C-alpha atoms as a PDB file:
ATOM      1  CA  MET A   1      -2.549  11.381   9.884  1.00  0.00           C
ATOM      2  CA  GLY A   2      -0.379  10.158   7.058  1.00  0.00           C
ATOM      3  CA  CYS A   3      -1.322   9.812   3.416  1.00  0.00           C
ATOM      4  CA  TYR A   4      -4.280   7.761   2.295  1.00  0.00           C
ATOM      5  CA  SER A   5      -3.863   4.576   0.269  1.00  0.00           C
ATOM      6  CA  LYS A   6      -5.362   4.183  -3.196  1.00  0.00           C
ATOM      7  CA  GLU A   7      -7.948   1.846  -1.677  1.00  0.00           C
ATOM      8  CA  GLU A   8      -8.987   4.478   0.879  1.00  0.00           C
ATOM      9  CA  LEU A   9      -9.117   7.208  -1.763  1.00  0.00           C
ATOM     10  CA  ASP A  10     -11.202   4.921  -3.932  1.00  0.00           C
ATOM     11  CA  MET A  11     -13.620   4.477  -1.040  1.00  0.00           C
ATOM     12  CA  PHE A  12     -13.689   8.258  -0.653  1.00  0.00           C
ATOM     13  CA  ARG A  13     -14.524   8.720  -4.343  1.00  0.00           C
ATOM     14  CA  HIS A  14     -17.351   6.237  -4.198  1.00  0.00           C
ATOM     15  CA  GLY A  15     -18.855   7.507  -0.949  1.00  0.00           C
ATOM     16  CA  GLU A  16     -17.999   4.302   0.915  1.00  0.00           C
ATOM     17  CA  MET A  17     -16.389   6.026   3.931  1.00  0.00           C
ATOM     18  CA  SER A  18     -18.159   7.013   7.100  1.00  0.00           C
ATOM     19  CA  VAL A  19     -19.138  10.644   7.339  1.00  0.00           C
ATOM     20  CA  LEU A  20     -16.332  11.404   9.794  1.00  0.00           C
ATOM     21  CA  SER A  21     -13.729   9.600   7.673  1.00  0.00           C
ATOM     22  CA  ARG A  22     -14.930  11.435   4.578  1.00  0.00           C
ATOM     23  CA  ILE A  23     -14.624  14.820   6.321  1.00  0.00           C
ATOM     24  CA  CYS A  24     -11.086  13.966   7.494  1.00  0.00           C
ATOM     25  CA  CYS A  25     -10.088  12.743   4.046  1.00  0.00           C
ATOM     26  CA  LYS A  26     -11.488  15.840   2.361  1.00  0.00           C
ATOM     27  CA  ALA A  27      -9.578  18.096   4.740  1.00  0.00           C
ATOM     28  CA  HIS A  28      -6.394  16.072   4.145  1.00  0.00           C
ATOM     29  CA  LEU A  29      -6.827  16.326   0.374  1.00  0.00           C
ATOM     30  CA  LYS A  30      -6.870  20.131   0.589  1.00  0.00           C
ATOM     31  CA  GLU A  31      -3.370  20.074   2.026  1.00  0.00           C
ATOM     32  CA  CYS A  32      -1.675  16.983   0.571  1.00  0.00           C
ATOM     33  CA  GLU A  33      -0.421  17.109  -3.004  1.00  0.00           C
ATOM     34  CA  ALA A  34       0.590  13.440  -2.951  1.00  0.00           C
ATOM     35  CA  CYS A  35      -2.966  12.343  -2.155  1.00  0.00           C
ATOM     36  CA  GLN A  36      -4.363  14.832  -4.682  1.00  0.00           C
ATOM     37  CA  HIS A  37      -2.129  13.237  -7.301  1.00  0.00           C
ATOM     38  CA  ARG A  38      -3.102   9.716  -6.236  1.00  0.00           C
ATOM     39  CA  LEU A  39      -6.782  10.656  -6.456  1.00  0.00           C
ATOM     40  CA  ALA A  40      -6.255  12.123  -9.937  1.00  0.00           C
ATOM     41  CA  GLU A  41      -4.549   8.891 -11.010  1.00  0.00           C
ATOM     42  CA  LEU A  42      -7.583   6.913  -9.888  1.00  0.00           C
ATOM     43  CA  CYS A  43      -9.824   9.150 -11.991  1.00  0.00           C
ATOM     44  CA  GLU A  44      -7.515   8.680 -14.984  1.00  0.00           C
ATOM     45  CA  ASP A  45      -7.643   4.921 -14.445  1.00  0.00           C
ATOM     46  CA  ASP A  46     -11.439   5.083 -14.543  1.00  0.00           C
ATOM     47  CA  LEU A  47     -11.323   6.923 -17.871  1.00  0.00           C
ATOM     48  CA  LEU A  48      -8.953   4.302 -19.281  1.00  0.00           C
ATOM     49  CA  VAL A  49     -11.153   1.428 -18.105  1.00  0.00           C
ATOM     50  CA  LYS A  50     -14.244   3.131 -19.565  1.00  0.00           C
ATOM     51  CA  GLU A  51     -12.478   3.600 -22.924  1.00  0.00           C
ATOM     52  CA  LEU A  52     -11.371  -0.032 -22.968  1.00  0.00           C
ATOM     53  CA  GLN A  53     -14.883  -1.200 -22.139  1.00  0.00           C
ATOM     54  CA  GLN A  54     -16.257   0.850 -25.025  1.00  0.00           C
ATOM     55  CA  ARG A  55     -13.714  -0.610 -27.429  1.00  0.00           C
ATOM     56  CA  VAL A  56     -14.507  -4.141 -26.298  1.00  0.00           C
ATOM     57  CA  SER A  57     -18.190  -3.442 -26.771  1.00  0.00           C
ATOM     58  CA  VAL A  58     -17.559  -2.221 -30.332  1.00  0.00           C
ATOM     59  CA  TYR A  59     -15.417  -5.273 -31.058  1.00  0.00           C
ATOM     60  CA  GLU A  60     -18.093  -7.607 -29.664  1.00  0.00           C
ATOM     61  CA  LYS A  61     -20.773  -5.955 -31.807  1.00  0.00           C
ATOM     62  CA  ILE A  62     -18.618  -6.198 -34.955  1.00  0.00           C
ATOM     63  CA  ASN A  63     -17.814  -9.823 -34.152  1.00  0.00           C
ATOM     64  CA  PHE A  64     -21.506 -10.621 -33.560  1.00  0.00           C
ATOM     65  CA  ASP A  65     -22.540  -8.906 -36.809  1.00  0.00           C
ATOM     66  CA  ASN A  66     -19.873 -10.811 -38.739  1.00  0.00           C
ATOM     67  CA  LYS A  67     -21.085 -14.123 -37.289  1.00  0.00           C
ATOM     68  CA  LYS A  68     -24.645 -13.260 -38.345  1.00  0.00           C
ATOM     69  CA  ILE A  69     -23.461 -12.546 -41.876  1.00  0.00           C
ATOM     70  CA  LEU A  70     -21.410 -15.747 -42.053  1.00  0.00           C
ATOM     71  CA  THR A  71     -24.241 -17.958 -40.786  1.00  0.00           C
ATOM     72  CA  SER A  72     -26.757 -16.363 -43.117  1.00  0.00           C
ATOM     73  CA  GLU A  73     -24.463 -17.119 -46.092  1.00  0.00           C
ATOM     74  CA  LEU A  74     -24.443 -20.822 -45.236  1.00  0.00           C
END
């Protein structure tokens, strides 16, 4: 079998493959540096998304707190 797509590797990461597909993918990953790299990129993307979500959450909290202060001053 050839390399797995990012979509397939994402399914692998999230346990969305059948048992047989997961076994085949895991065996392939042991041998294929390209797929190992692609899988690592997906994990890095998750970290980036998580960091962005945290920053948005902080921004929303600050924005909400500022609105409370402004409305209480009126």
